[in-house]
Amino acid sequence: MLTTQARVLRANEGKLAQLGSIGVRFIVDSVDSRGAFSLVEHPIPPRKLAAPLHRHHREDEYTVVISGEIGVLLGDDVVFGAPGDVIFKPRGQWHTFWNAGSEPARVLEIISPAGFEVYFQHFSDLLAAEGSPPDPAKAGEIAARFGLELDLPSIPRLTAEHGLTFGRG
């Protein structure tokens, strides 16, 4: 039987990776939670789009705003979250999010069930190997393995509509 032990992960601990526009700190993975959920932290630079419009087919996401102001597109609705707010993004719904402010923002993402955190690692590895933007076919193959649909053509529209940039730098 798999057992996990209680532990404290300090604010400066945990594996870090880069996902293009945003970072990721891995906090709780599928092994830790026995598959129930994963928990990651995303630091988001000012006025950055975190991801193209996308939807998950296997998991729900709960975004807890820790600092800054977060804009979120949920289907056709744009909402904003401030520190302490929780934004629910159910599986199957098109969505994306961004730092809507001029200061760095941080969010915690609870992903249920666990497993999608592995996508972040694979995508980060692809970016490290190829640079940004990565080969679209390779990125698409990784997304498909994790039941993720990406609307890459949404990026120019989203950045223009919300005064954002996308990607590193």
N, C-alpha and C. Protein backbone atom coordinates (compact mmCIF):
# COMPACT_ATOMS: atom_id res chain seq x y z
N MET A 1 0.83 -1.18 0.00
CA MET A 1 0.00 0.00 0.00
C MET A 1 0.88 1.25 0.00
N LEU A 2 0.54 2.17 -0.84
CA LEU A 2 1.28 3.42 -0.94
C LEU A 2 0.92 4.32 0.24
N THR A 3 1.90 4.84 0.89
CA THR A 3 1.64 5.80 1.96
C THR A 3 2.46 7.05 1.70
N THR A 4 1.92 8.16 2.09
CA THR A 4 2.66 9.41 2.00
C THR A 4 2.82 9.94 3.41
N GLN A 5 3.82 10.74 3.60
CA GLN A 5 4.07 11.28 4.91
C GLN A 5 3.80 12.77 4.92
N ALA A 6 3.35 13.24 6.07
CA ALA A 6 3.15 14.68 6.24
C ALA A 6 4.49 15.39 6.06
N ARG A 7 4.43 16.57 5.51
CA ARG A 7 5.65 17.35 5.30
C ARG A 7 5.29 18.81 5.16
N VAL A 8 6.29 19.63 5.25
CA VAL A 8 6.13 21.06 5.01
C VAL A 8 6.99 21.41 3.80
N LEU A 9 6.37 22.05 2.84
CA LEU A 9 7.10 22.55 1.68
C LEU A 9 7.20 24.05 1.85
N ARG A 10 8.37 24.52 2.12
CA ARG A 10 8.60 25.96 2.35
C ARG A 10 8.40 26.76 1.06
N ALA A 11 8.16 28.05 1.22
CA ALA A 11 7.87 28.93 0.08
C ALA A 11 8.97 28.92 -0.96
N ASN A 12 10.21 28.66 -0.57
CA ASN A 12 11.33 28.67 -1.53
C ASN A 12 11.71 27.26 -1.96
N GLU A 13 10.85 26.28 -1.70
CA GLU A 13 11.13 24.89 -2.06
C GLU A 13 10.18 24.41 -3.14
N GLY A 14 10.48 23.28 -3.72
CA GLY A 14 9.65 22.68 -4.76
C GLY A 14 10.33 22.82 -6.10
N LYS A 15 10.04 21.87 -6.97
CA LYS A 15 10.60 21.89 -8.31
C LYS A 15 9.99 23.04 -9.09
N LEU A 16 10.83 23.78 -9.81
CA LEU A 16 10.40 24.92 -10.61
C LEU A 16 10.58 24.62 -12.09
N ALA A 17 9.69 25.17 -12.91
CA ALA A 17 9.81 25.04 -14.36
C ALA A 17 9.22 26.28 -15.00
N GLN A 18 9.52 26.47 -16.28
CA GLN A 18 8.99 27.60 -17.03
C GLN A 18 8.05 27.09 -18.11
N LEU A 19 6.88 27.75 -18.24
CA LEU A 19 5.87 27.35 -19.22
C LEU A 19 5.64 28.45 -20.25
N GLY A 20 6.68 29.11 -20.68
CA GLY A 20 6.52 30.21 -21.63
C GLY A 20 6.27 31.50 -20.89
N SER A 21 5.01 31.95 -20.86
CA SER A 21 4.67 33.21 -20.20
C SER A 21 4.75 33.14 -18.68
N ILE A 22 4.52 31.97 -18.13
CA ILE A 22 4.40 31.84 -16.68
C ILE A 22 5.34 30.76 -16.15
N GLY A 23 5.52 30.79 -14.85
CA GLY A 23 6.30 29.75 -14.20
C GLY A 23 5.37 28.73 -13.56
N VAL A 24 5.97 27.66 -13.07
CA VAL A 24 5.22 26.66 -12.31
C VAL A 24 6.11 26.13 -11.20
N ARG A 25 5.53 26.05 -10.01
CA ARG A 25 6.20 25.40 -8.88
C ARG A 25 5.33 24.22 -8.50
N PHE A 26 5.91 23.03 -8.52
CA PHE A 26 5.18 21.81 -8.22
C PHE A 26 5.12 21.63 -6.70
N ILE A 27 3.91 21.52 -6.16
CA ILE A 27 3.72 21.46 -4.71
C ILE A 27 3.22 20.08 -4.27
N VAL A 28 2.09 19.63 -4.82
CA VAL A 28 1.53 18.31 -4.52
C VAL A 28 1.27 17.62 -5.85
N ASP A 29 1.78 16.40 -6.01
CA ASP A 29 1.55 15.68 -7.26
C ASP A 29 0.65 14.47 -7.03
N SER A 30 0.45 13.70 -8.08
CA SER A 30 -0.48 12.57 -8.00
C SER A 30 -0.01 11.50 -7.02
N VAL A 31 1.29 11.34 -6.85
CA VAL A 31 1.79 10.37 -5.87
C VAL A 31 1.44 10.85 -4.46
N ASP A 32 1.69 12.13 -4.19
CA ASP A 32 1.40 12.69 -2.87
C ASP A 32 -0.06 12.53 -2.48
N SER A 33 -0.96 12.74 -3.44
CA SER A 33 -2.41 12.76 -3.15
C SER A 33 -3.11 11.45 -3.50
N ARG A 34 -2.33 10.44 -3.89
CA ARG A 34 -2.90 9.17 -4.34
C ARG A 34 -3.88 9.37 -5.49
N GLY A 35 -3.57 10.33 -6.35
CA GLY A 35 -4.37 10.57 -7.54
C GLY A 35 -5.54 11.50 -7.38
N ALA A 36 -5.80 11.97 -6.16
CA ALA A 36 -6.99 12.79 -5.91
C ALA A 36 -6.88 14.18 -6.53
N PHE A 37 -5.72 14.83 -6.40
CA PHE A 37 -5.55 16.19 -6.91
C PHE A 37 -4.07 16.49 -7.03
N SER A 38 -3.77 17.56 -7.74
CA SER A 38 -2.42 18.12 -7.73
C SER A 38 -2.53 19.60 -7.41
N LEU A 39 -1.45 20.15 -6.93
CA LEU A 39 -1.41 21.56 -6.55
C LEU A 39 -0.12 22.15 -7.10
N VAL A 40 -0.27 23.22 -7.89
CA VAL A 40 0.88 23.93 -8.42
C VAL A 40 0.69 25.42 -8.15
N GLU A 41 1.78 26.13 -8.14
CA GLU A 41 1.75 27.59 -8.04
C GLU A 41 2.23 28.15 -9.36
N HIS A 42 1.53 29.18 -9.84
CA HIS A 42 1.94 29.88 -11.06
C HIS A 42 2.27 31.33 -10.73
N PRO A 43 3.53 31.73 -10.80
CA PRO A 43 3.85 33.16 -10.79
C PRO A 43 3.62 33.68 -12.21
N ILE A 44 2.96 34.84 -12.30
CA ILE A 44 2.60 35.40 -13.61
C ILE A 44 3.09 36.85 -13.67
N PRO A 45 3.97 37.16 -14.60
CA PRO A 45 4.43 38.54 -14.74
C PRO A 45 3.28 39.48 -15.12
N PRO A 46 3.47 40.77 -14.90
CA PRO A 46 2.43 41.75 -15.23
C PRO A 46 2.00 41.68 -16.69
N ARG A 47 0.69 41.78 -16.90
CA ARG A 47 0.08 41.88 -18.23
C ARG A 47 0.44 40.71 -19.14
N LYS A 48 0.60 39.52 -18.58
CA LYS A 48 0.93 38.32 -19.36
C LYS A 48 -0.27 37.40 -19.48
N LEU A 49 -0.52 36.92 -20.69
CA LEU A 49 -1.48 35.86 -20.93
C LEU A 49 -0.81 34.55 -20.53
N ALA A 50 -1.46 33.77 -19.66
CA ALA A 50 -0.85 32.54 -19.16
C ALA A 50 -0.84 31.42 -20.19
N ALA A 51 -1.91 31.34 -20.98
CA ALA A 51 -2.05 30.23 -21.93
C ALA A 51 -3.04 30.63 -23.02
N PRO A 52 -2.97 29.98 -24.17
CA PRO A 52 -4.03 30.21 -25.16
C PRO A 52 -5.35 29.69 -24.60
N LEU A 53 -6.42 30.06 -25.23
CA LEU A 53 -7.72 29.50 -24.87
C LEU A 53 -7.59 27.98 -24.96
N HIS A 54 -8.11 27.29 -23.96
CA HIS A 54 -7.97 25.83 -23.92
C HIS A 54 -9.07 25.21 -23.08
N ARG A 55 -9.18 23.87 -23.18
CA ARG A 55 -10.09 23.16 -22.30
C ARG A 55 -9.52 21.78 -21.99
N HIS A 56 -9.82 21.36 -20.78
CA HIS A 56 -9.41 20.05 -20.28
C HIS A 56 -10.60 19.11 -20.37
N HIS A 57 -10.35 17.88 -20.72
CA HIS A 57 -11.44 16.91 -20.79
C HIS A 57 -11.45 15.95 -19.61
N ARG A 58 -10.42 16.00 -18.77
CA ARG A 58 -10.32 15.02 -17.69
C ARG A 58 -10.34 15.60 -16.29
N GLU A 59 -10.12 16.89 -16.15
CA GLU A 59 -9.97 17.43 -14.81
C GLU A 59 -10.62 18.81 -14.68
N ASP A 60 -10.97 19.13 -13.44
CA ASP A 60 -11.45 20.45 -13.06
C ASP A 60 -10.28 21.21 -12.47
N GLU A 61 -10.34 22.55 -12.58
CA GLU A 61 -9.30 23.40 -11.99
C GLU A 61 -9.95 24.43 -11.07
N TYR A 62 -9.26 24.68 -9.98
CA TYR A 62 -9.67 25.71 -9.03
C TYR A 62 -8.48 26.64 -8.87
N THR A 63 -8.66 27.89 -9.21
CA THR A 63 -7.59 28.88 -9.12
C THR A 63 -7.81 29.73 -7.88
N VAL A 64 -6.83 29.73 -7.00
CA VAL A 64 -6.86 30.54 -5.79
C VAL A 64 -5.88 31.69 -6.01
N VAL A 65 -6.38 32.91 -6.02
CA VAL A 65 -5.53 34.07 -6.24
C VAL A 65 -4.80 34.40 -4.94
N ILE A 66 -3.48 34.39 -5.00
CA ILE A 66 -2.64 34.68 -3.82
C ILE A 66 -2.24 36.16 -3.82
N SER A 67 -1.85 36.67 -4.99
CA SER A 67 -1.48 38.08 -5.08
C SER A 67 -1.75 38.57 -6.49
N GLY A 68 -1.99 39.86 -6.61
CA GLY A 68 -2.25 40.46 -7.90
C GLY A 68 -3.71 40.37 -8.31
N GLU A 69 -3.97 40.76 -9.54
CA GLU A 69 -5.32 40.70 -10.11
C GLU A 69 -5.29 39.78 -11.32
N ILE A 70 -6.16 38.79 -11.33
CA ILE A 70 -6.19 37.79 -12.38
C ILE A 70 -7.45 37.98 -13.21
N GLY A 71 -7.28 38.04 -14.53
CA GLY A 71 -8.41 38.03 -15.45
C GLY A 71 -8.61 36.61 -15.94
N VAL A 72 -9.87 36.21 -16.09
CA VAL A 72 -10.17 34.86 -16.53
C VAL A 72 -11.30 34.90 -17.54
N LEU A 73 -11.11 34.21 -18.65
CA LEU A 73 -12.17 34.03 -19.63
C LEU A 73 -12.74 32.63 -19.40
N LEU A 74 -14.02 32.57 -19.02
CA LEU A 74 -14.74 31.32 -18.77
C LEU A 74 -15.86 31.23 -19.79
N GLY A 75 -15.65 30.46 -20.83
CA GLY A 75 -16.63 30.44 -21.91
C GLY A 75 -16.65 31.81 -22.56
N ASP A 76 -17.80 32.50 -22.48
CA ASP A 76 -17.92 33.85 -23.04
C ASP A 76 -17.80 34.95 -21.99
N ASP A 77 -17.63 34.57 -20.73
CA ASP A 77 -17.62 35.53 -19.62
C ASP A 77 -16.20 35.85 -19.17
N VAL A 78 -15.91 37.14 -19.00
CA VAL A 78 -14.65 37.59 -18.42
C VAL A 78 -14.92 37.97 -16.97
N VAL A 79 -14.13 37.38 -16.05
CA VAL A 79 -14.24 37.70 -14.63
C VAL A 79 -12.85 38.07 -14.13
N PHE A 80 -12.81 38.72 -12.98
CA PHE A 80 -11.54 39.12 -12.38
C PHE A 80 -11.49 38.61 -10.96
N GLY A 81 -10.31 38.16 -10.56
CA GLY A 81 -10.11 37.65 -9.21
C GLY A 81 -9.03 38.44 -8.50
N ALA A 82 -9.25 38.68 -7.21
CA ALA A 82 -8.32 39.38 -6.34
C ALA A 82 -7.84 38.40 -5.26
N PRO A 83 -6.82 38.77 -4.49
CA PRO A 83 -6.32 37.86 -3.46
C PRO A 83 -7.45 37.31 -2.57
N GLY A 84 -7.42 36.00 -2.42
CA GLY A 84 -8.43 35.29 -1.63
C GLY A 84 -9.57 34.73 -2.45
N ASP A 85 -9.75 35.21 -3.68
CA ASP A 85 -10.82 34.70 -4.54
C ASP A 85 -10.46 33.33 -5.09
N VAL A 86 -11.49 32.52 -5.33
CA VAL A 86 -11.33 31.20 -5.93
C VAL A 86 -12.17 31.16 -7.21
N ILE A 87 -11.55 30.74 -8.29
CA ILE A 87 -12.22 30.69 -9.59
C ILE A 87 -12.28 29.22 -10.02
N PHE A 88 -13.49 28.74 -10.29
CA PHE A 88 -13.70 27.35 -10.68
C PHE A 88 -13.77 27.25 -12.19
N LYS A 89 -12.95 26.35 -12.76
CA LYS A 89 -12.91 26.12 -14.20
C LYS A 89 -13.22 24.63 -14.42
N PRO A 90 -14.49 24.31 -14.72
CA PRO A 90 -14.86 22.90 -14.86
C PRO A 90 -14.32 22.28 -16.14
N ARG A 91 -14.10 20.99 -16.08
CA ARG A 91 -13.64 20.26 -17.28
C ARG A 91 -14.63 20.47 -18.42
N GLY A 92 -14.12 20.53 -19.62
CA GLY A 92 -14.96 20.69 -20.80
C GLY A 92 -15.28 22.12 -21.16
N GLN A 93 -14.93 23.11 -20.30
CA GLN A 93 -15.24 24.51 -20.60
C GLN A 93 -13.99 25.22 -21.13
N TRP A 94 -14.14 25.92 -22.24
CA TRP A 94 -13.04 26.73 -22.77
C TRP A 94 -12.72 27.83 -21.77
N HIS A 95 -11.42 28.06 -21.55
CA HIS A 95 -11.01 29.10 -20.59
C HIS A 95 -9.55 29.47 -20.83
N THR A 96 -9.18 30.58 -20.23
CA THR A 96 -7.79 30.99 -20.12
C THR A 96 -7.71 32.02 -19.00
N PHE A 97 -6.49 32.42 -18.65
CA PHE A 97 -6.33 33.42 -17.59
C PHE A 97 -5.07 34.24 -17.83
N TRP A 98 -5.00 35.38 -17.13
CA TRP A 98 -3.88 36.29 -17.33
C TRP A 98 -3.72 37.17 -16.10
N ASN A 99 -2.54 37.78 -16.02
CA ASN A 99 -2.30 38.79 -14.99
C ASN A 99 -2.87 40.09 -15.54
N ALA A 100 -3.93 40.58 -14.91
CA ALA A 100 -4.62 41.78 -15.38
C ALA A 100 -4.02 43.07 -14.81
N GLY A 101 -3.00 42.95 -13.98
CA GLY A 101 -2.45 44.12 -13.33
C GLY A 101 -1.03 44.46 -13.77
N SER A 102 -0.49 45.50 -13.13
CA SER A 102 0.85 45.97 -13.46
C SER A 102 1.91 45.45 -12.49
N GLU A 103 1.50 44.60 -11.54
CA GLU A 103 2.42 43.99 -10.59
C GLU A 103 2.41 42.47 -10.80
N PRO A 104 3.48 41.77 -10.41
CA PRO A 104 3.47 40.31 -10.52
C PRO A 104 2.28 39.72 -9.75
N ALA A 105 1.77 38.62 -10.24
CA ALA A 105 0.66 37.92 -9.59
C ALA A 105 1.08 36.48 -9.31
N ARG A 106 0.38 35.87 -8.35
CA ARG A 106 0.61 34.46 -8.04
C ARG A 106 -0.73 33.80 -7.80
N VAL A 107 -0.86 32.60 -8.35
CA VAL A 107 -2.07 31.80 -8.11
C VAL A 107 -1.66 30.39 -7.73
N LEU A 108 -2.52 29.75 -6.95
CA LEU A 108 -2.42 28.32 -6.70
C LEU A 108 -3.47 27.66 -7.57
N GLU A 109 -3.09 26.59 -8.25
CA GLU A 109 -4.03 25.83 -9.07
C GLU A 109 -4.21 24.46 -8.43
N ILE A 110 -5.44 24.16 -8.06
CA ILE A 110 -5.80 22.83 -7.58
C ILE A 110 -6.42 22.13 -8.79
N ILE A 111 -5.87 20.98 -9.15
CA ILE A 111 -6.31 20.25 -10.33
C ILE A 111 -6.81 18.89 -9.87
N SER A 112 -8.07 18.58 -10.22
CA SER A 112 -8.67 17.34 -9.75
C SER A 112 -9.37 16.61 -10.88
N PRO A 113 -9.09 15.32 -11.07
CA PRO A 113 -8.09 14.53 -10.34
C PRO A 113 -6.68 14.90 -10.77
N ALA A 114 -5.71 14.31 -10.10
CA ALA A 114 -4.30 14.58 -10.37
C ALA A 114 -3.88 13.99 -11.71
N GLY A 115 -2.72 14.37 -12.15
CA GLY A 115 -2.11 13.83 -13.35
C GLY A 115 -1.75 14.90 -14.36
N PHE A 116 -2.55 15.98 -14.40
CA PHE A 116 -2.28 17.02 -15.38
C PHE A 116 -0.99 17.78 -15.08
N GLU A 117 -0.54 17.73 -13.82
CA GLU A 117 0.72 18.39 -13.49
C GLU A 117 1.87 17.82 -14.33
N VAL A 118 1.74 16.57 -14.77
CA VAL A 118 2.77 15.95 -15.61
C VAL A 118 2.83 16.64 -16.98
N TYR A 119 1.69 17.13 -17.47
CA TYR A 119 1.68 17.90 -18.72
C TYR A 119 2.61 19.10 -18.59
N PHE A 120 2.51 19.82 -17.45
CA PHE A 120 3.36 20.99 -17.25
C PHE A 120 4.84 20.62 -17.37
N GLN A 121 5.21 19.47 -16.80
CA GLN A 121 6.61 19.05 -16.86
C GLN A 121 7.01 18.71 -18.29
N HIS A 122 6.18 17.96 -19.00
CA HIS A 122 6.50 17.60 -20.39
C HIS A 122 6.59 18.84 -21.28
N PHE A 123 5.66 19.78 -21.11
CA PHE A 123 5.68 20.99 -21.93
C PHE A 123 6.90 21.84 -21.60
N SER A 124 7.23 21.95 -20.32
CA SER A 124 8.41 22.69 -19.90
C SER A 124 9.68 22.07 -20.49
N ASP A 125 9.74 20.74 -20.48
CA ASP A 125 10.89 20.05 -21.06
C ASP A 125 11.00 20.34 -22.56
N LEU A 126 9.86 20.36 -23.26
CA LEU A 126 9.85 20.67 -24.69
C LEU A 126 10.37 22.09 -24.93
N LEU A 127 9.92 23.04 -24.15
CA LEU A 127 10.38 24.43 -24.29
C LEU A 127 11.88 24.54 -24.03
N ALA A 128 12.35 23.82 -23.01
CA ALA A 128 13.78 23.86 -22.69
C ALA A 128 14.61 23.27 -23.83
N ALA A 129 14.08 22.24 -24.48
CA ALA A 129 14.82 21.59 -25.57
C ALA A 129 14.76 22.36 -26.87
N GLU A 130 13.63 23.00 -27.16
CA GLU A 130 13.42 23.62 -28.47
C GLU A 130 13.36 25.13 -28.46
N GLY A 131 13.14 25.72 -27.30
CA GLY A 131 12.91 27.15 -27.24
C GLY A 131 11.45 27.47 -27.48
N SER A 132 11.14 28.75 -27.47
CA SER A 132 9.75 29.17 -27.61
C SER A 132 9.62 30.00 -28.88
N PRO A 133 8.64 29.72 -29.73
CA PRO A 133 7.61 28.69 -29.58
C PRO A 133 8.15 27.32 -29.99
N PRO A 134 7.63 26.25 -29.38
CA PRO A 134 8.08 24.92 -29.74
C PRO A 134 7.42 24.45 -31.03
N ASP A 135 7.87 23.34 -31.55
CA ASP A 135 7.27 22.73 -32.73
C ASP A 135 5.79 22.47 -32.43
N PRO A 136 4.88 23.04 -33.22
CA PRO A 136 3.44 22.87 -32.95
C PRO A 136 2.99 21.41 -32.94
N ALA A 137 3.58 20.58 -33.79
CA ALA A 137 3.19 19.16 -33.83
C ALA A 137 3.57 18.47 -32.53
N LYS A 138 4.77 18.75 -32.01
CA LYS A 138 5.20 18.14 -30.75
C LYS A 138 4.36 18.65 -29.58
N ALA A 139 4.10 19.96 -29.56
CA ALA A 139 3.27 20.53 -28.50
C ALA A 139 1.85 19.95 -28.55
N GLY A 140 1.32 19.79 -29.76
CA GLY A 140 -0.02 19.22 -29.93
C GLY A 140 -0.09 17.78 -29.48
N GLU A 141 0.96 17.02 -29.74
CA GLU A 141 0.99 15.62 -29.33
C GLU A 141 0.98 15.51 -27.80
N ILE A 142 1.76 16.35 -27.14
CA ILE A 142 1.77 16.35 -25.67
C ILE A 142 0.39 16.72 -25.14
N ALA A 143 -0.21 17.77 -25.68
CA ALA A 143 -1.54 18.20 -25.24
C ALA A 143 -2.56 17.08 -25.42
N ALA A 144 -2.53 16.41 -26.56
CA ALA A 144 -3.49 15.34 -26.83
C ALA A 144 -3.36 14.20 -25.83
N ARG A 145 -2.12 13.87 -25.45
CA ARG A 145 -1.92 12.80 -24.46
C ARG A 145 -2.60 13.11 -23.13
N PHE A 146 -2.76 14.39 -22.83
CA PHE A 146 -3.35 14.80 -21.55
C PHE A 146 -4.79 15.29 -21.69
N GLY A 147 -5.42 15.02 -22.84
CA GLY A 147 -6.81 15.41 -23.02
C GLY A 147 -7.01 16.91 -23.03
N LEU A 148 -6.05 17.63 -23.57
CA LEU A 148 -6.07 19.10 -23.60
C LEU A 148 -6.25 19.57 -25.04
N GLU A 149 -7.23 20.45 -25.25
CA GLU A 149 -7.41 21.11 -26.55
C GLU A 149 -6.91 22.54 -26.42
N LEU A 150 -6.12 22.97 -27.39
CA LEU A 150 -5.58 24.32 -27.42
C LEU A 150 -6.11 25.07 -28.63
N ASP A 151 -6.50 26.32 -28.42
CA ASP A 151 -6.92 27.20 -29.51
C ASP A 151 -5.81 28.23 -29.72
N LEU A 152 -4.75 27.82 -30.42
CA LEU A 152 -3.60 28.71 -30.62
C LEU A 152 -3.97 30.00 -31.35
N PRO A 153 -4.89 29.97 -32.32
CA PRO A 153 -5.26 31.23 -32.98
C PRO A 153 -5.92 32.25 -32.05
N SER A 154 -6.29 31.85 -30.84
CA SER A 154 -6.90 32.80 -29.89
C SER A 154 -5.89 33.78 -29.31
N ILE A 155 -4.61 33.47 -29.40
CA ILE A 155 -3.59 34.29 -28.72
C ILE A 155 -3.59 35.74 -29.19
N PRO A 156 -3.51 36.04 -30.50
CA PRO A 156 -3.50 37.45 -30.92
C PRO A 156 -4.76 38.21 -30.49
N ARG A 157 -5.91 37.56 -30.59
CA ARG A 157 -7.16 38.22 -30.18
C ARG A 157 -7.16 38.52 -28.69
N LEU A 158 -6.78 37.56 -27.87
CA LEU A 158 -6.77 37.75 -26.42
C LEU A 158 -5.77 38.82 -25.99
N THR A 159 -4.58 38.81 -26.59
CA THR A 159 -3.58 39.81 -26.20
C THR A 159 -4.04 41.22 -26.61
N ALA A 160 -4.64 41.34 -27.78
CA ALA A 160 -5.13 42.64 -28.23
C ALA A 160 -6.30 43.12 -27.38
N GLU A 161 -7.27 42.26 -27.11
CA GLU A 161 -8.46 42.65 -26.34
C GLU A 161 -8.15 43.06 -24.91
N HIS A 162 -7.13 42.44 -24.31
CA HIS A 162 -6.88 42.67 -22.89
C HIS A 162 -5.55 43.38 -22.61
N GLY A 163 -4.88 43.85 -23.67
CA GLY A 163 -3.62 44.60 -23.49
C GLY A 163 -2.52 43.76 -22.88
N LEU A 164 -2.32 42.55 -23.40
CA LEU A 164 -1.38 41.58 -22.83
C LEU A 164 -0.26 41.26 -23.81
N THR A 165 0.73 40.55 -23.31
CA THR A 165 1.74 39.92 -24.14
C THR A 165 1.73 38.43 -23.83
N PHE A 166 2.34 37.66 -24.71
CA PHE A 166 2.38 36.21 -24.53
C PHE A 166 3.76 35.70 -24.83
N GLY A 167 4.24 34.77 -24.04
CA GLY A 167 5.57 34.19 -24.23
C GLY A 167 6.58 34.83 -23.30
N ARG A 168 7.78 34.33 -23.39
CA ARG A 168 8.85 34.85 -22.53
C ARG A 168 9.24 36.26 -22.95
N GLY A 169 9.79 36.98 -21.96
CA GLY A 169 10.28 38.32 -22.28
C GLY A 169 9.25 39.39 -22.01
